[in-house]
C-alpha atoms as a PDB file:
ATOM      1  CA  UNK A   1      33.395   1.742 -55.446  1.00  0.00           C
ATOM      2  CA  UNK A   2      30.294   1.722 -56.523  1.00  0.00           C
ATOM      3  CA  UNK A   3      29.482  -1.629 -54.853  1.00  0.00           C
ATOM      4  CA  UNK A   4      31.203  -0.300 -51.382  1.00  0.00           C
ATOM      5  CA  UNK A   5      28.407   2.867 -51.599  1.00  0.00           C
ATOM      6  CA  UNK A   6      25.872   0.064 -52.302  1.00  0.00           C
ATOM      7  CA  UNK A   7      26.478  -1.864 -49.341  1.00  0.00           C
ATOM      8  CA  UNK A   8      26.810   1.499 -46.632  1.00  0.00           C
ATOM      9  CA  UNK A   9      23.644   2.277 -48.526  1.00  0.00           C
ATOM     10  CA  UNK A  10      21.719  -0.730 -47.930  1.00  0.00           C
ATOM     11  CA  UNK A  11      23.048  -1.068 -43.913  1.00  0.00           C
ATOM     12  CA  UNK A  12      21.932   2.767 -43.329  1.00  0.00           C
ATOM     13  CA  UNK A  13      18.279   2.000 -44.564  1.00  0.00           C
ATOM     14  CA  UNK A  14      18.392  -1.513 -42.527  1.00  0.00           C
ATOM     15  CA  UNK A  15      19.774   0.432 -39.430  1.00  0.00           C
ATOM     16  CA  UNK A  16      17.309   3.129 -40.236  1.00  0.00           C
ATOM     17  CA  UNK A  17      14.312   0.222 -40.688  1.00  0.00           C
ATOM     18  CA  UNK A  18      14.966  -1.185 -37.817  1.00  0.00           C
ATOM     19  CA  UNK A  19      14.596   2.142 -35.597  1.00  0.00           C
ATOM     20  CA  UNK A  20      12.055   3.214 -37.227  1.00  0.00           C
ATOM     21  CA  UNK A  21      10.731  -0.503 -35.969  1.00  0.00           C
ATOM     22  CA  UNK A  22      11.521  -0.624 -32.239  1.00  0.00           C
ATOM     23  CA  UNK A  23      10.325   3.152 -32.402  1.00  0.00           C
ATOM     24  CA  UNK A  24       6.949   2.047 -33.879  1.00  0.00           C
ATOM     25  CA  UNK A  25       6.858  -0.667 -31.297  1.00  0.00           C
ATOM     26  CA  UNK A  26       7.491   1.569 -28.300  1.00  0.00           C
ATOM     27  CA  UNK A  27       4.879   3.584 -29.420  1.00  0.00           C
ATOM     28  CA  UNK A  28       2.664   1.175 -30.094  1.00  0.00           C
ATOM     29  CA  UNK A  29       2.629  -0.280 -26.062  1.00  0.00           C
ATOM     30  CA  UNK A  30       0.244  -1.393 -24.869  1.00  0.00           C
ATOM     31  CA  UNK A  31      -0.680  -4.016 -27.687  1.00  0.00           C
ATOM     32  CA  UNK A  32      -2.217  -6.753 -25.370  1.00  0.00           C
ATOM     33  CA  UNK A  33      -4.252  -7.006 -21.971  1.00  0.00           C
ATOM     34  CA  UNK A  34      -2.430  -6.361 -19.311  1.00  0.00           C
ATOM     35  CA  UNK A  35      -1.971  -8.493 -15.670  1.00  0.00           C
ATOM     36  CA  UNK A  36      -2.362  -6.993 -12.438  1.00  0.00           C
ATOM     37  CA  UNK A  37      -1.045  -9.292  -9.912  1.00  0.00           C
ATOM     38  CA  UNK A  38      -2.422  -8.159  -6.363  1.00  0.00           C
ATOM     39  CA  UNK A  39      -1.172  -9.085  -2.661  1.00  0.00           C
ATOM     40  CA  UNK A  40      -4.719  -9.150  -1.415  1.00  0.00           C
ATOM     41  CA  UNK A  41      -7.661 -11.673  -1.689  1.00  0.00           C
ATOM     42  CA  UNK A  42     -11.107 -10.960  -3.039  1.00  0.00           C
ATOM     43  CA  UNK A  43     -13.589  -8.571  -2.193  1.00  0.00           C
ATOM     44  CA  UNK A  44     -11.829  -6.892   0.338  1.00  0.00           C
ATOM     45  CA  UNK A  45     -11.648  -2.695   0.392  1.00  0.00           C
ATOM     46  CA  UNK A  46      -8.369  -3.096  -1.625  1.00  0.00           C
ATOM     47  CA  UNK A  47      -9.509  -5.072  -4.078  1.00  0.00           C
ATOM     48  CA  UNK A  48     -12.486  -3.321  -4.641  1.00  0.00           C
ATOM     49  CA  UNK A  49     -10.106  -0.116  -5.082  1.00  0.00           C
ATOM     50  CA  UNK A  50      -7.791  -1.845  -7.413  1.00  0.00           C
ATOM     51  CA  UNK A  51     -10.708  -2.598  -9.414  1.00  0.00           C
ATOM     52  CA  UNK A  52     -11.985   0.441  -9.463  1.00  0.00           C
ATOM     53  CA  UNK A  53      -8.688   1.814 -10.604  1.00  0.00           C
ATOM     54  CA  UNK A  54      -7.719  -0.566 -13.222  1.00  0.00           C
ATOM     55  CA  UNK A  55     -11.017  -0.605 -15.242  1.00  0.00           C
ATOM     56  CA  UNK A  56     -10.740   2.830 -15.486  1.00  0.00           C
ATOM     57  CA  UNK A  57      -6.865   2.767 -16.347  1.00  0.00           C
ATOM     58  CA  UNK A  58      -7.971   0.110 -19.182  1.00  0.00           C
ATOM     59  CA  UNK A  59      -9.625   2.964 -21.298  1.00  0.00           C
ATOM     60  CA  UNK A  60      -6.473   5.392 -20.966  1.00  0.00           C
ATOM     61  CA  UNK A  61      -4.182   2.646 -22.055  1.00  0.00           C
ATOM     62  CA  UNK A  62      -6.648   1.191 -24.624  1.00  0.00           C
ATOM     63  CA  UNK A  63      -6.058  -2.565 -23.561  1.00  0.00           C
ATOM     64  CA  UNK A  64      -7.928  -5.019 -20.527  1.00  0.00           C
ATOM     65  CA  UNK A  65      -6.451  -5.023 -17.330  1.00  0.00           C
ATOM     66  CA  UNK A  66      -7.093  -8.632 -15.539  1.00  0.00           C
ATOM     67  CA  UNK A  67      -6.402  -8.442 -12.010  1.00  0.00           C
ATOM     68  CA  UNK A  68      -5.345 -11.830 -10.669  1.00  0.00           C
ATOM     69  CA  UNK A  69      -5.757 -12.201  -6.501  1.00  0.00           C
ATOM     70  CA  UNK A  70      -2.563 -13.682  -5.204  1.00  0.00           C
ATOM     71  CA  UNK A  71      -2.768 -13.735  -1.441  1.00  0.00           C
ATOM     72  CA  UNK A  72      -0.709 -15.246   1.351  1.00  0.00           C
ATOM     73  CA  UNK A  73       2.684 -15.012   2.838  1.00  0.00           C
ATOM     74  CA  UNK A  74       2.323 -11.333   3.716  1.00  0.00           C
ATOM     75  CA  UNK A  75       2.663 -10.228  -0.025  1.00  0.00           C
ATOM     76  CA  UNK A  76       6.000 -12.356  -1.186  1.00  0.00           C
ATOM     77  CA  UNK A  77       3.458 -14.625  -3.550  1.00  0.00           C
ATOM     78  CA  UNK A  78       2.310 -12.029  -5.766  1.00  0.00           C
ATOM     79  CA  UNK A  79       5.874 -10.062  -5.569  1.00  0.00           C
ATOM     80  CA  UNK A  80       7.784 -13.170  -6.291  1.00  0.00           C
ATOM     81  CA  UNK A  81       5.536 -13.854  -9.172  1.00  0.00           C
ATOM     82  CA  UNK A  82       6.240 -10.117 -10.509  1.00  0.00           C
ATOM     83  CA  UNK A  83       9.778 -10.248 -10.166  1.00  0.00           C
ATOM     84  CA  UNK A  84       9.998 -13.336 -12.150  1.00  0.00           C
ATOM     85  CA  UNK A  85       7.850 -11.762 -15.067  1.00  0.00           C
ATOM     86  CA  UNK A  86       9.026 -10.847 -17.983  1.00  0.00           C
ATOM     87  CA  UNK A  87      10.140  -6.607 -18.296  1.00  0.00           C
ATOM     88  CA  UNK A  88       7.805  -6.330 -20.668  1.00  0.00           C
ATOM     89  CA  UNK A  89       4.709  -3.865 -19.206  1.00  0.00           C
ATOM     90  CA  UNK A  90       2.615  -6.550 -19.411  1.00  0.00           C
ATOM     91  CA  UNK A  91       3.274  -7.664 -15.843  1.00  0.00           C
ATOM     92  CA  UNK A  92       2.326  -5.332 -13.291  1.00  0.00           C
ATOM     93  CA  UNK A  93       2.083  -5.571  -9.457  1.00  0.00           C
ATOM     94  CA  UNK A  94      -0.580  -3.216  -7.272  1.00  0.00           C
ATOM     95  CA  UNK A  95       1.910  -3.845  -3.871  1.00  0.00           C
ATOM     96  CA  UNK A  96       0.489  -2.449  -0.799  1.00  0.00           C
ATOM     97  CA  UNK A  97       3.244  -0.777   1.395  1.00  0.00           C
ATOM     98  CA  UNK A  98       3.342  -3.825   3.931  1.00  0.00           C
ATOM     99  CA  UNK A  99       4.540  -5.819   1.207  1.00  0.00           C
ATOM    100  CA  UNK A 100       7.146  -3.311   0.441  1.00  0.00           C
ATOM    101  CA  UNK A 101       8.517  -2.205   2.827  1.00  0.00           C
ATOM    102  CA  UNK A 102       7.568  -4.411   5.942  1.00  0.00           C
ATOM    103  CA  UNK A 103       7.542  -8.473   4.387  1.00  0.00           C
ATOM    104  CA  UNK A 104      11.330  -8.316   3.583  1.00  0.00           C
ATOM    105  CA  UNK A 105      12.530  -6.915   6.838  1.00  0.00           C
ATOM    106  CA  UNK A 106       9.933  -9.243   9.202  1.00  0.00           C
ATOM    107  CA  UNK A 107      10.578 -12.558   6.707  1.00  0.00           C
ATOM    108  CA  UNK A 108      13.915 -13.681   7.306  1.00  0.00           C
ATOM    109  CA  UNK A 109      13.699 -15.970   4.440  1.00  0.00           C
ATOM    110  CA  UNK A 110      11.808 -13.371   2.332  1.00  0.00           C
ATOM    111  CA  UNK A 111      13.027 -14.060  -1.376  1.00  0.00           C
ATOM    112  CA  UNK A 112      12.102 -10.423  -2.724  1.00  0.00           C
ATOM    113  CA  UNK A 113      13.795  -7.707  -2.068  1.00  0.00           C
ATOM    114  CA  UNK A 114      11.585  -4.226  -2.861  1.00  0.00           C
ATOM    115  CA  UNK A 115      15.182  -3.520  -5.126  1.00  0.00           C
ATOM    116  CA  UNK A 116      13.433  -6.213  -7.694  1.00  0.00           C
ATOM    117  CA  UNK A 117      10.797  -4.046  -8.909  1.00  0.00           C
ATOM    118  CA  UNK A 118      10.723  -1.175 -10.843  1.00  0.00           C
ATOM    119  CA  UNK A 119       8.576   1.641  -9.403  1.00  0.00           C
ATOM    120  CA  UNK A 120       6.142   3.359 -11.320  1.00  0.00           C
ATOM    121  CA  UNK A 121       3.222   5.488  -9.245  1.00  0.00           C
ATOM    122  CA  UNK A 122       1.327   5.496  -5.854  1.00  0.00           C
ATOM    123  CA  UNK A 123      -2.173   4.925  -6.864  1.00  0.00           C
ATOM    124  CA  UNK A 124      -3.801   5.438  -3.350  1.00  0.00           C
ATOM    125  CA  UNK A 125      -3.274   6.091   0.362  1.00  0.00           C
ATOM    126  CA  UNK A 126      -4.793   6.234   3.705  1.00  0.00           C
ATOM    127  CA  UNK A 127      -3.915   6.849   7.442  1.00  0.00           C
ATOM    128  CA  UNK A 128      -4.413   4.533  10.221  1.00  0.00           C
ATOM    129  CA  UNK A 129      -7.665   5.012  12.917  1.00  0.00           C
ATOM    130  CA  UNK A 130      -6.948   4.239  16.524  1.00  0.00           C
ATOM    131  CA  UNK A 131     -11.062   2.640  17.927  1.00  0.00           C
ATOM    132  CA  UNK A 132     -12.375   1.992  20.854  1.00  0.00           C
ATOM    133  CA  UNK A 133     -16.222   0.321  21.378  1.00  0.00           C
ATOM    134  CA  UNK A 134     -18.606   2.633  21.813  1.00  0.00           C
ATOM    135  CA  UNK A 135     -18.645   1.802  25.512  1.00  0.00           C
ATOM    136  CA  UNK A 136     -15.230   2.029  26.328  1.00  0.00           C
ATOM    137  CA  UNK A 137     -13.765   5.110  28.715  1.00  0.00           C
ATOM    138  CA  UNK A 138     -11.414   6.221  26.314  1.00  0.00           C
ATOM    139  CA  UNK A 139     -11.888   9.123  24.431  1.00  0.00           C
ATOM    140  CA  UNK A 140      -8.348  10.013  23.215  1.00  0.00           C
ATOM    141  CA  UNK A 141      -4.724   8.330  23.552  1.00  0.00           C
ATOM    142  CA  UNK A 142      -4.018  10.691  26.884  1.00  0.00           C
ATOM    143  CA  UNK A 143      -6.896   8.680  28.199  1.00  0.00           C
ATOM    144  CA  UNK A 144      -5.459   5.327  26.428  1.00  0.00           C
ATOM    145  CA  UNK A 145      -1.955   5.814  27.957  1.00  0.00           C
ATOM    146  CA  UNK A 146      -2.870   7.363  31.046  1.00  0.00           C
ATOM    147  CA  UNK A 147      -4.858   3.520  32.135  1.00  0.00           C
ATOM    148  CA  UNK A 148      -1.723   1.356  30.019  1.00  0.00           C
ATOM    149  CA  UNK A 149       0.295   3.234  32.810  1.00  0.00           C
ATOM    150  CA  UNK A 150      -2.037   2.913  35.683  1.00  0.00           C
ATOM    151  CA  UNK A 151      -2.532  -1.233  34.684  1.00  0.00           C
ATOM    152  CA  UNK A 152       0.274  -2.136  33.011  1.00  0.00           C
ATOM    153  CA  UNK A 153      -0.333  -5.330  30.533  1.00  0.00           C
ATOM    154  CA  UNK A 154      -4.188  -4.980  31.327  1.00  0.00           C
ATOM    155  CA  UNK A 155      -5.113  -2.946  28.284  1.00  0.00           C
ATOM    156  CA  UNK A 156      -4.333  -5.271  24.639  1.00  0.00           C
ATOM    157  CA  UNK A 157      -4.677  -3.580  21.143  1.00  0.00           C
ATOM    158  CA  UNK A 158      -5.835  -5.821  18.326  1.00  0.00           C
ATOM    159  CA  UNK A 159      -4.362  -6.080  14.349  1.00  0.00           C
ATOM    160  CA  UNK A 160      -5.099  -8.120  11.494  1.00  0.00           C
ATOM    161  CA  UNK A 161      -2.281  -9.802  11.583  1.00  0.00           C
ATOM    162  CA  UNK A 162       1.319 -10.437  13.352  1.00  0.00           C
ATOM    163  CA  UNK A 163       3.773  -7.988  11.206  1.00  0.00           C
ATOM    164  CA  UNK A 164       1.050  -6.088  10.151  1.00  0.00           C
ATOM    165  CA  UNK A 165       0.982  -2.521   9.683  1.00  0.00           C
ATOM    166  CA  UNK A 166      -1.693  -2.618  12.667  1.00  0.00           C
ATOM    167  CA  UNK A 167       0.498  -4.441  14.466  1.00  0.00           C
ATOM    168  CA  UNK A 168       3.661  -2.120  14.181  1.00  0.00           C
ATOM    169  CA  UNK A 169       2.072   0.783  14.813  1.00  0.00           C
ATOM    170  CA  UNK A 170       0.924  -0.393  18.385  1.00  0.00           C
ATOM    171  CA  UNK A 171       4.417  -1.529  18.953  1.00  0.00           C
ATOM    172  CA  UNK A 172       5.376   2.284  17.992  1.00  0.00           C
ATOM    173  CA  UNK A 173       2.791   3.348  20.573  1.00  0.00           C
ATOM    174  CA  UNK A 174       4.094   0.788  22.846  1.00  0.00           C
ATOM    175  CA  UNK A 175       8.183   1.791  22.747  1.00  0.00           C
ATOM    176  CA  UNK A 176       7.313   5.807  22.312  1.00  0.00           C
ATOM    177  CA  UNK A 177       4.420   5.983  25.061  1.00  0.00           C
ATOM    178  CA  UNK A 178       6.771   3.782  26.780  1.00  0.00           C
ATOM    179  CA  UNK A 179       3.396   1.867  27.881  1.00  0.00           C
ATOM    180  CA  UNK A 180       2.951  -2.109  27.843  1.00  0.00           C
ATOM    181  CA  UNK A 181      -0.215  -3.422  26.453  1.00  0.00           C
ATOM    182  CA  UNK A 182      -1.166  -6.854  24.819  1.00  0.00           C
ATOM    183  CA  UNK A 183      -1.232  -7.665  21.198  1.00  0.00           C
ATOM    184  CA  UNK A 184      -3.865  -9.851  19.846  1.00  0.00           C
ATOM    185  CA  UNK A 185      -3.192 -10.852  16.015  1.00  0.00           C
ATOM    186  CA  UNK A 186      -6.307 -12.471  14.271  1.00  0.00           C
ATOM    187  CA  UNK A 187      -6.614 -13.931  10.964  1.00  0.00           C
ATOM    188  CA  UNK A 188      -7.333 -10.172   9.319  1.00  0.00           C
ATOM    189  CA  UNK A 189      -9.272  -6.781  10.605  1.00  0.00           C
ATOM    190  CA  UNK A 190     -12.884  -8.645  10.087  1.00  0.00           C
ATOM    191  CA  UNK A 191     -12.673 -11.186  13.248  1.00  0.00           C
ATOM    192  CA  UNK A 192     -10.455  -8.335  14.785  1.00  0.00           C
ATOM    193  CA  UNK A 193     -13.049  -5.717  14.384  1.00  0.00           C
ATOM    194  CA  UNK A 194     -15.954  -8.512  15.925  1.00  0.00           C
ATOM    195  CA  UNK A 195     -13.811  -8.940  19.433  1.00  0.00           C
ATOM    196  CA  UNK A 196     -13.634  -5.351  19.654  1.00  0.00           C
ATOM    197  CA  UNK A 197     -16.842  -5.044  19.123  1.00  0.00           C
ATOM    198  CA  UNK A 198     -17.871  -7.826  21.429  1.00  0.00           C
ATOM    199  CA  UNK A 199     -15.358  -5.766  24.471  1.00  0.00           C
ATOM    200  CA  UNK A 200     -12.422  -9.144  23.948  1.00  0.00           C
ATOM    201  CA  UNK A 201      -9.852  -6.481  23.094  1.00  0.00           C
ATOM    202  CA  UNK A 202      -9.574  -2.914  24.078  1.00  0.00           C
ATOM    203  CA  UNK A 203      -8.141  -1.047  21.183  1.00  0.00           C
ATOM    204  CA  UNK A 204      -8.019  -1.630  17.355  1.00  0.00           C
ATOM    205  CA  UNK A 205      -5.895  -0.195  14.770  1.00  0.00           C
ATOM    206  CA  UNK A 206      -6.976  -0.034  11.405  1.00  0.00           C
ATOM    207  CA  UNK A 207      -7.772   1.342   7.799  1.00  0.00           C
ATOM    208  CA  UNK A 208     -10.449   3.292   7.129  1.00  0.00           C
ATOM    209  CA  UNK A 209     -12.115   1.179   4.716  1.00  0.00           C
ATOM    210  CA  UNK A 210     -13.120  -1.540   7.675  1.00  0.00           C
ATOM    211  CA  UNK A 211     -14.118   0.896   9.995  1.00  0.00           C
ATOM    212  CA  UNK A 212     -15.920   3.569   8.309  1.00  0.00           C
ATOM    213  CA  UNK A 213     -19.458   1.238   8.856  1.00  0.00           C
ATOM    214  CA  UNK A 214     -19.326   0.675  12.547  1.00  0.00           C
ATOM    215  CA  UNK A 215     -18.166   4.022  13.366  1.00  0.00           C
ATOM    216  CA  UNK A 216     -20.894   6.056  10.709  1.00  0.00           C
ATOM    217  CA  UNK A 217     -23.553   3.175  12.878  1.00  0.00           C
ATOM    218  CA  UNK A 218     -21.961   4.448  16.575  1.00  0.00           C
ATOM    219  CA  UNK A 219     -21.004   0.913  17.475  1.00  0.00           C
ATOM    220  CA  UNK A 220     -16.904   2.029  18.177  1.00  0.00           C
ATOM    221  CA  UNK A 221     -15.480   5.182  18.604  1.00  0.00           C
ATOM    222  CA  UNK A 222     -12.569   6.965  16.492  1.00  0.00           C
ATOM    223  CA  UNK A 223     -10.053   8.514  18.998  1.00  0.00           C
ATOM    224  CA  UNK A 224      -7.073   9.160  17.325  1.00  0.00           C
ATOM    225  CA  UNK A 225      -6.507   9.058  13.045  1.00  0.00           C
ATOM    226  CA  UNK A 226      -2.445   8.766  12.312  1.00  0.00           C
ATOM    227  CA  UNK A 227      -2.416  10.828   8.639  1.00  0.00           C
ATOM    228  CA  UNK A 228      -0.681  14.867   9.005  1.00  0.00           C
ATOM    229  CA  UNK A 229      -4.397  16.453   8.841  1.00  0.00           C
ATOM    230  CA  UNK A 230      -7.625  15.171   9.915  1.00  0.00           C
ATOM    231  CA  UNK A 231      -9.678  13.130   7.501  1.00  0.00           C
ATOM    232  CA  UNK A 232     -12.610  14.120   5.739  1.00  0.00           C
ATOM    233  CA  UNK A 233     -14.432  11.163   6.532  1.00  0.00           C
ATOM    234  CA  UNK A 234     -14.095  11.956  10.079  1.00  0.00           C
ATOM    235  CA  UNK A 235     -12.999  15.718  10.554  1.00  0.00           C
ATOM    236  CA  UNK A 236     -13.933  15.665  14.687  1.00  0.00           C
ATOM    237  CA  UNK A 237     -10.636  13.404  14.976  1.00  0.00           C
ATOM    238  CA  UNK A 238      -7.868  14.394  16.232  1.00  0.00           C
ATOM    239  CA  UNK A 239      -4.441  13.278  14.640  1.00  0.00           C
ATOM    240  CA  UNK A 240      -2.069  11.790  16.442  1.00  0.00           C
ATOM    241  CA  UNK A 241       0.394  15.013  16.099  1.00  0.00           C
ATOM    242  CA  UNK A 242      -2.269  17.318  17.348  1.00  0.00           C
ATOM    243  CA  UNK A 243      -2.713  14.671  20.806  1.00  0.00           C
ATOM    244  CA  UNK A 244       1.050  14.756  21.232  1.00  0.00           C
ATOM    245  CA  UNK A 245       2.159  11.609  19.566  1.00  0.00           C
ATOM    246  CA  UNK A 246       3.774  12.667  16.603  1.00  0.00           C
ATOM    247  CA  UNK A 247       6.075   9.704  15.674  1.00  0.00           C
ATOM    248  CA  UNK A 248       2.252   7.712  15.305  1.00  0.00           C
ATOM    249  CA  UNK A 249       1.981   9.940  11.891  1.00  0.00           C
ATOM    250  CA  UNK A 250       1.713   7.676   9.330  1.00  0.00           C
ATOM    251  CA  UNK A 251      -0.008   7.154   5.719  1.00  0.00           C
ATOM    252  CA  UNK A 252      -0.176   3.517   4.443  1.00  0.00           C
ATOM    253  CA  UNK A 253      -0.012   3.262   0.641  1.00  0.00           C
ATOM    254  CA  UNK A 254      -0.451   1.180  -2.429  1.00  0.00           C
ATOM    255  CA  UNK A 255       1.480   1.958  -5.943  1.00  0.00           C
ATOM    256  CA  UNK A 256       1.862  -0.071  -9.223  1.00  0.00           C
ATOM    257  CA  UNK A 257       5.219  -0.954  -9.540  1.00  0.00           C
ATOM    258  CA  UNK A 258       6.775  -3.576 -12.448  1.00  0.00           C
ATOM    259  CA  UNK A 259       9.376  -6.210 -13.305  1.00  0.00           C
ATOM    260  CA  UNK A 260      13.385  -5.083 -13.284  1.00  0.00           C
ATOM    261  CA  UNK A 261      14.654  -3.393 -16.031  1.00  0.00           C
ATOM    262  CA  UNK A 262      11.043  -2.374 -17.327  1.00  0.00           C
ATOM    263  CA  UNK A 263      11.899   0.291 -20.099  1.00  0.00           C
ATOM    264  CA  UNK A 264      11.471   3.878 -19.132  1.00  0.00           C
ATOM    265  CA  UNK A 265       9.205   4.767 -21.630  1.00  0.00           C
ATOM    266  CA  UNK A 266       6.749   2.110 -20.675  1.00  0.00           C
ATOM    267  CA  UNK A 267       6.975   3.011 -16.942  1.00  0.00           C
ATOM    268  CA  UNK A 268       6.173   6.843 -18.374  1.00  0.00           C
ATOM    269  CA  UNK A 269       3.359   5.804 -20.356  1.00  0.00           C
ATOM    270  CA  UNK A 270       1.591   3.942 -17.193  1.00  0.00           C
ATOM    271  CA  UNK A 271       2.230   6.621 -14.739  1.00  0.00           C
ATOM    272  CA  UNK A 272       1.162   9.565 -16.954  1.00  0.00           C
ATOM    273  CA  UNK A 273      -2.277   7.497 -18.045  1.00  0.00           C
ATOM    274  CA  UNK A 274      -2.495   6.576 -13.881  1.00  0.00           C
ATOM    275  CA  UNK A 275      -2.233  10.359 -12.705  1.00  0.00           C
ATOM    276  CA  UNK A 276      -5.105  11.264 -15.409  1.00  0.00           C
ATOM    277  CA  UNK A 277      -7.222   8.722 -13.054  1.00  0.00           C
ATOM    278  CA  UNK A 278      -6.819   9.336 -10.363  1.00  0.00           C
ATOM    279  CA  UNK A 279      -7.165  12.957 -11.262  1.00  0.00           C
ATOM    280  CA  UNK A 280     -10.678  12.227 -11.746  1.00  0.00           C
ATOM    281  CA  UNK A 281     -13.534  14.051  -9.522  1.00  0.00           C
ATOM    282  CA  UNK A 282     -15.921  10.716  -9.799  1.00  0.00           C
ATOM    283  CA  UNK A 283     -12.696   8.268  -8.765  1.00  0.00           C
ATOM    284  CA  UNK A 284     -11.706  11.106  -6.084  1.00  0.00           C
ATOM    285  CA  UNK A 285     -15.034  11.076  -4.534  1.00  0.00           C
ATOM    286  CA  UNK A 286     -15.603   6.712  -4.423  1.00  0.00           C
ATOM    287  CA  UNK A 287     -12.139   6.883  -2.857  1.00  0.00           C
ATOM    288  CA  UNK A 288     -12.913   9.072  -0.045  1.00  0.00           C
ATOM    289  CA  UNK A 289     -16.207   6.808   0.133  1.00  0.00           C
ATOM    290  CA  UNK A 290     -14.069   4.259   1.108  1.00  0.00           C
ATOM    291  CA  UNK A 291     -11.512   5.733   3.128  1.00  0.00           C
ATOM    292  CA  UNK A 292      -8.696   6.349   0.131  1.00  0.00           C
ATOM    293  CA  UNK A 293      -7.764   9.374  -1.095  1.00  0.00           C
ATOM    294  CA  UNK A 294      -6.103   9.054  -4.836  1.00  0.00           C
ATOM    295  CA  UNK A 295      -2.247   9.552  -4.834  1.00  0.00           C
ATOM    296  CA  UNK A 296       0.062  10.060  -7.820  1.00  0.00           C
ATOM    297  CA  UNK A 297       4.190   9.883  -7.739  1.00  0.00           C
ATOM    298  CA  UNK A 298       7.082   9.938  -9.643  1.00  0.00           C
ATOM    299  CA  UNK A 299       8.806   6.527  -9.820  1.00  0.00           C
ATOM    300  CA  UNK A 300      11.816   8.662  -7.824  1.00  0.00           C
ATOM    301  CA  UNK A 301       9.545   9.217  -5.392  1.00  0.00           C
ATOM    302  CA  UNK A 302       8.289   6.341  -4.834  1.00  0.00           C
ATOM    303  CA  UNK A 303      11.450   4.377  -4.738  1.00  0.00           C
ATOM    304  CA  UNK A 304      12.283   7.002  -1.560  1.00  0.00           C
ATOM    305  CA  UNK A 305       9.073   6.107   0.031  1.00  0.00           C
ATOM    306  CA  UNK A 306      10.032   2.650  -0.542  1.00  0.00           C
ATOM    307  CA  UNK A 307      13.393   3.003   0.820  1.00  0.00           C
ATOM    308  CA  UNK A 308      12.986   5.394   4.049  1.00  0.00           C
ATOM    309  CA  UNK A 309       9.793   3.621   5.685  1.00  0.00           C
ATOM    310  CA  UNK A 310      12.058   0.083   5.278  1.00  0.00           C
ATOM    311  CA  UNK A 311      14.677   1.636   7.648  1.00  0.00           C
ATOM    312  CA  UNK A 312      11.968   2.917   9.807  1.00  0.00           C
ATOM    313  CA  UNK A 313      10.155  -0.433  10.144  1.00  0.00           C
ATOM    314  CA  UNK A 314      14.001  -2.437  10.069  1.00  0.00           C
ATOM    315  CA  UNK A 315      14.701  -0.509  13.474  1.00  0.00           C
ATOM    316  CA  UNK A 316      11.160  -1.114  15.056  1.00  0.00           C
ATOM    317  CA  UNK A 317      11.734  -4.276  13.823  1.00  0.00           C
ATOM    318  CA  UNK A 318      15.011  -5.799  15.063  1.00  0.00           C
ATOM    319  CA  UNK A 319      14.523  -3.345  18.073  1.00  0.00           C
ATOM    320  CA  UNK A 320      11.327  -5.361  19.580  1.00  0.00           C
ATOM    321  CA  UNK A 321      12.254  -8.187  18.298  1.00  0.00           C
ATOM    322  CA  UNK A 322       9.488  -8.589  15.732  1.00  0.00           C
ATOM    323  CA  UNK A 323       9.646 -11.982  13.332  1.00  0.00           C
ATOM    324  CA  UNK A 324       7.292 -14.670  11.846  1.00  0.00           C
ATOM    325  CA  UNK A 325      10.203 -17.056  11.213  1.00  0.00           C
END
């Protein structure tokens, strides 16, 4: 009996020791640097935003956050590297909306699905701005639609690439307004903007960060924003809903996701610390200056956004027969 009691006592002590050890390990997260994978190139506005946030977030987490840029294939190269990583919270993906909601439906052979990730939180959001050359006669969506109906296929709209969010918003305009305008894809926002400035294309949907310097310089004219409310940076520019086209309402976003099966306590720590950063007045101010709004969400809210937007884009891609394969 004494031996049995001793055996059970040792077993209980061992179990308690393991539980305490596991608890301490969880409490210790993070105990080493965290790698953050970005699906875009170094030096762009999205890269600037990512580094601004991760620099501040590393202070709250008490560990460095090492940013690694892996552009290409609509974000699928970066996505695949994170999906294969260990689910321990030390590899994160700062994804943009198109990587999770467009690319998997656009690329028939996409190796990564949105369900391959554990959602953490959104980080920033921004609308698109519809702009024209400052010398253009168009000053509203109504002007554009009227001109397109009067001269089918004579107007053109630029995009930073085939299958990008600006391209799909332009396709949505074509569908909802029942107009024909020619899509002109470029390899990035900068060459598209250059041709708009040069008068080679008529219209351009793009993120505010790319457009604001030229808008402030008076070289291009904003005629609509796709946000639900007017932008603080462009308070005089009416929303698409105010101009009778609520179907174009869209706010793109970026957010943290982790490899599948990342522990809930790790996700919770990351979300809480990220939310603290995004509530910092100086971070909010800096993001707005770049054309972004700080925004955070629960993992469940982020998962719902990915699901709903994915269904919306999938339908449009099929209807318009859009493919990059």
